[in-house]
Amino acid sequence: MANYRSTVRKRRLGSARPVNSGDTPEVSRVRTPRKDRNEVLATVAALLGSKRVTLQCMDGVVRMGRIPGSKNKKMWIREGDVVIANPWEVQDSKADVTWKYTRPQVEWLERKGYLKC
């Protein structure tokens, strides 16, 4: 048991990750919503459970969003996250969540004027 703890401690101390000086990582590419695919920016207002969320879209419509099964465990979504929603053609009050932005990407979107603060 002592050998195991010492190897774990060594791995933590000699981590290969670079030490971050507190700066946020530089954003190189940000996916923007595509109008030809009918995508809109949205903010998650509430989690409803069972892969469902309430979305406050930038076009002024409140939609019920669905996280598709392919992205269910890969995208952990919380309230306040900025996402790309793809409204349904059949029912405009519902949408699929296709993309989630990270914090540096959201800041970039705010600077460029995509998000209304």
C-alpha atoms as a PDB file:
ATOM      1  CA  MET A   1       0.000   0.000   0.000  1.00  0.00           C
ATOM      2  CA  ALA A   2       2.856   2.374   0.721  1.00  0.00           C
ATOM      3  CA  ASN A   3       4.303   1.882  -2.754  1.00  0.00           C
ATOM      4  CA  TYR A   4       0.951   2.641  -4.359  1.00  0.00           C
ATOM      5  CA  ARG A   5       0.533   5.919  -2.468  1.00  0.00           C
ATOM      6  CA  SER A   6       4.029   7.080  -3.250  1.00  0.00           C
ATOM      7  CA  THR A   7       3.568   6.470  -6.993  1.00  0.00           C
ATOM      8  CA  VAL A   8       0.245   8.300  -6.996  1.00  0.00           C
ATOM      9  CA  ARG A   9       1.819  11.219  -5.142  1.00  0.00           C
ATOM     10  CA  LYS A  10       4.729  11.318  -7.600  1.00  0.00           C
ATOM     11  CA  ARG A  11       2.380  11.376 -10.556  1.00  0.00           C
ATOM     12  CA  ARG A  12       0.499  14.302  -9.118  1.00  0.00           C
ATOM     13  CA  LEU A  13       3.623  16.266  -8.350  1.00  0.00           C
ATOM     14  CA  GLY A  14       5.309  15.606 -11.689  1.00  0.00           C
ATOM     15  CA  SER A  15       2.289  16.388 -13.774  1.00  0.00           C
ATOM     16  CA  ALA A  16       2.885  16.906 -17.471  1.00  0.00           C
ATOM     17  CA  ARG A  17       0.351  19.733 -17.662  1.00  0.00           C
ATOM     18  CA  PRO A  18       1.737  23.243 -18.024  1.00  0.00           C
ATOM     19  CA  VAL A  19       1.147  25.576 -15.139  1.00  0.00           C
ATOM     20  CA  ASN A  20      -1.459  28.172 -16.066  1.00  0.00           C
ATOM     21  CA  SER A  21      -0.707  31.684 -14.899  1.00  0.00           C
ATOM     22  CA  GLY A  22      -4.402  32.472 -14.363  1.00  0.00           C
ATOM     23  CA  ASP A  23      -5.028  33.607 -17.932  1.00  0.00           C
ATOM     24  CA  THR A  24      -7.949  32.181 -19.835  1.00  0.00           C
ATOM     25  CA  PRO A  25      -6.984  30.116 -22.876  1.00  0.00           C
ATOM     26  CA  GLU A  26      -6.932  31.989 -26.160  1.00  0.00           C
ATOM     27  CA  VAL A  27      -9.882  31.261 -28.411  1.00  0.00           C
ATOM     28  CA  SER A  28      -8.756  30.231 -31.870  1.00  0.00           C
ATOM     29  CA  ARG A  29     -12.030  29.103 -33.469  1.00  0.00           C
ATOM     30  CA  VAL A  30     -15.629  29.580 -32.410  1.00  0.00           C
ATOM     31  CA  ARG A  31     -18.567  27.883 -34.058  1.00  0.00           C
ATOM     32  CA  THR A  32     -21.254  30.418 -34.904  1.00  0.00           C
ATOM     33  CA  PRO A  33     -24.892  29.588 -35.676  1.00  0.00           C
ATOM     34  CA  ARG A  34     -25.564  28.986 -39.345  1.00  0.00           C
ATOM     35  CA  LYS A  35     -28.614  30.708 -40.793  1.00  0.00           C
ATOM     36  CA  ASP A  36     -28.897  28.218 -43.663  1.00  0.00           C
ATOM     37  CA  ARG A  37     -29.406  25.439 -41.084  1.00  0.00           C
ATOM     38  CA  ASN A  38     -31.898  27.561 -39.101  1.00  0.00           C
ATOM     39  CA  GLU A  39     -29.667  27.625 -35.982  1.00  0.00           C
ATOM     40  CA  VAL A  40     -30.055  30.223 -33.198  1.00  0.00           C
ATOM     41  CA  LEU A  41     -28.128  31.069 -30.046  1.00  0.00           C
ATOM     42  CA  ALA A  42     -29.933  30.272 -26.811  1.00  0.00           C
ATOM     43  CA  THR A  43     -29.384  30.381 -23.064  1.00  0.00           C
ATOM     44  CA  VAL A  44     -30.475  27.482 -20.874  1.00  0.00           C
ATOM     45  CA  ALA A  45     -33.126  28.841 -18.511  1.00  0.00           C
ATOM     46  CA  ALA A  46     -34.080  25.637 -16.657  1.00  0.00           C
ATOM     47  CA  LEU A  47     -33.339  21.931 -16.580  1.00  0.00           C
ATOM     48  CA  LEU A  48     -36.537  19.907 -16.907  1.00  0.00           C
ATOM     49  CA  GLY A  49     -35.078  16.421 -16.595  1.00  0.00           C
ATOM     50  CA  SER A  50     -35.180  13.508 -19.041  1.00  0.00           C
ATOM     51  CA  LYS A  51     -32.849  15.273 -21.537  1.00  0.00           C
ATOM     52  CA  ARG A  52     -35.139  18.314 -21.695  1.00  0.00           C
ATOM     53  CA  VAL A  53     -34.273  21.970 -21.053  1.00  0.00           C
ATOM     54  CA  THR A  54     -36.016  25.328 -21.333  1.00  0.00           C
ATOM     55  CA  LEU A  55     -34.214  27.622 -23.771  1.00  0.00           C
ATOM     56  CA  GLN A  56     -34.387  31.416 -24.010  1.00  0.00           C
ATOM     57  CA  CYS A  57     -33.491  31.916 -27.673  1.00  0.00           C
ATOM     58  CA  MET A  58     -31.958  35.097 -29.104  1.00  0.00           C
ATOM     59  CA  ASP A  59     -34.865  35.506 -31.519  1.00  0.00           C
ATOM     60  CA  GLY A  60     -37.150  36.151 -28.522  1.00  0.00           C
ATOM     61  CA  VAL A  61     -38.892  32.764 -28.387  1.00  0.00           C
ATOM     62  CA  VAL A  62     -38.855  30.503 -25.320  1.00  0.00           C
ATOM     63  CA  ARG A  63     -38.471  26.931 -26.538  1.00  0.00           C
ATOM     64  CA  MET A  64     -38.401  23.505 -24.971  1.00  0.00           C
ATOM     65  CA  GLY A  65     -35.047  22.022 -25.960  1.00  0.00           C
ATOM     66  CA  ARG A  66     -34.080  18.402 -26.293  1.00  0.00           C
ATOM     67  CA  ILE A  67     -30.543  17.036 -25.932  1.00  0.00           C
ATOM     68  CA  PRO A  68     -30.149  14.300 -28.572  1.00  0.00           C
ATOM     69  CA  GLY A  69     -28.971  10.863 -27.459  1.00  0.00           C
ATOM     70  CA  SER A  70     -25.662  11.186 -29.290  1.00  0.00           C
ATOM     71  CA  LYS A  71     -24.746  14.215 -27.159  1.00  0.00           C
ATOM     72  CA  ASN A  72     -26.443  13.236 -23.910  1.00  0.00           C
ATOM     73  CA  LYS A  73     -23.382  12.160 -21.892  1.00  0.00           C
ATOM     74  CA  LYS A  74     -20.829  14.151 -23.916  1.00  0.00           C
ATOM     75  CA  MET A  75     -22.354  17.588 -23.233  1.00  0.00           C
ATOM     76  CA  TRP A  76     -23.082  18.293 -19.588  1.00  0.00           C
ATOM     77  CA  ILE A  77     -25.463  21.225 -19.683  1.00  0.00           C
ATOM     78  CA  ARG A  78     -26.346  23.446 -16.717  1.00  0.00           C
ATOM     79  CA  GLU A  79     -28.533  26.502 -16.230  1.00  0.00           C
ATOM     80  CA  GLY A  80     -27.004  29.625 -17.723  1.00  0.00           C
ATOM     81  CA  ASP A  81     -25.013  27.823 -20.421  1.00  0.00           C
ATOM     82  CA  VAL A  82     -25.017  29.290 -23.926  1.00  0.00           C
ATOM     83  CA  VAL A  83     -25.890  26.759 -26.618  1.00  0.00           C
ATOM     84  CA  ILE A  84     -26.827  26.538 -30.283  1.00  0.00           C
ATOM     85  CA  ALA A  85     -30.420  25.408 -30.779  1.00  0.00           C
ATOM     86  CA  ASN A  86     -31.920  24.075 -33.973  1.00  0.00           C
ATOM     87  CA  PRO A  87     -35.707  24.774 -33.964  1.00  0.00           C
ATOM     88  CA  TRP A  88     -37.960  22.086 -35.331  1.00  0.00           C
ATOM     89  CA  GLU A  89     -39.604  22.751 -38.680  1.00  0.00           C
ATOM     90  CA  VAL A  90     -42.850  21.083 -37.580  1.00  0.00           C
ATOM     91  CA  GLN A  91     -43.197  22.750 -34.172  1.00  0.00           C
ATOM     92  CA  ASP A  92     -41.452  26.092 -33.585  1.00  0.00           C
ATOM     93  CA  SER A  93     -41.824  25.903 -29.797  1.00  0.00           C
ATOM     94  CA  LYS A  94     -39.353  22.990 -29.632  1.00  0.00           C
ATOM     95  CA  ALA A  95     -35.678  22.713 -30.575  1.00  0.00           C
ATOM     96  CA  ASP A  96     -32.675  20.388 -30.513  1.00  0.00           C
ATOM     97  CA  VAL A  97     -29.497  21.419 -28.677  1.00  0.00           C
ATOM     98  CA  THR A  98     -26.580  20.908 -31.053  1.00  0.00           C
ATOM     99  CA  TRP A  99     -23.622  22.748 -29.467  1.00  0.00           C
ATOM    100  CA  LYS A 100     -22.483  24.052 -26.089  1.00  0.00           C
ATOM    101  CA  TYR A 101     -20.028  26.946 -25.722  1.00  0.00           C
ATOM    102  CA  THR A 102     -17.208  27.116 -23.187  1.00  0.00           C
ATOM    103  CA  ARG A 103     -16.643  30.217 -21.051  1.00  0.00           C
ATOM    104  CA  PRO A 104     -13.868  31.746 -23.249  1.00  0.00           C
ATOM    105  CA  GLN A 105     -16.028  31.176 -26.326  1.00  0.00           C
ATOM    106  CA  VAL A 106     -18.979  32.945 -24.662  1.00  0.00           C
ATOM    107  CA  GLU A 107     -16.750  35.920 -23.846  1.00  0.00           C
ATOM    108  CA  TRP A 108     -15.619  36.028 -27.494  1.00  0.00           C
ATOM    109  CA  LEU A 109     -19.262  35.960 -28.667  1.00  0.00           C
ATOM    110  CA  GLU A 110     -20.098  38.861 -26.331  1.00  0.00           C
ATOM    111  CA  ARG A 111     -17.144  40.917 -27.596  1.00  0.00           C
ATOM    112  CA  LYS A 112     -18.084  40.339 -31.242  1.00  0.00           C
ATOM    113  CA  GLY A 113     -21.741  41.229 -30.653  1.00  0.00           C
ATOM    114  CA  TYR A 114     -23.362  37.845 -31.229  1.00  0.00           C
ATOM    115  CA  LEU A 115     -24.830  37.819 -27.703  1.00  0.00           C
ATOM    116  CA  LYS A 116     -27.013  40.565 -26.343  1.00  0.00           C
ATOM    117  CA  CYS A 117     -25.887  41.182 -22.768  1.00  0.00           C
END
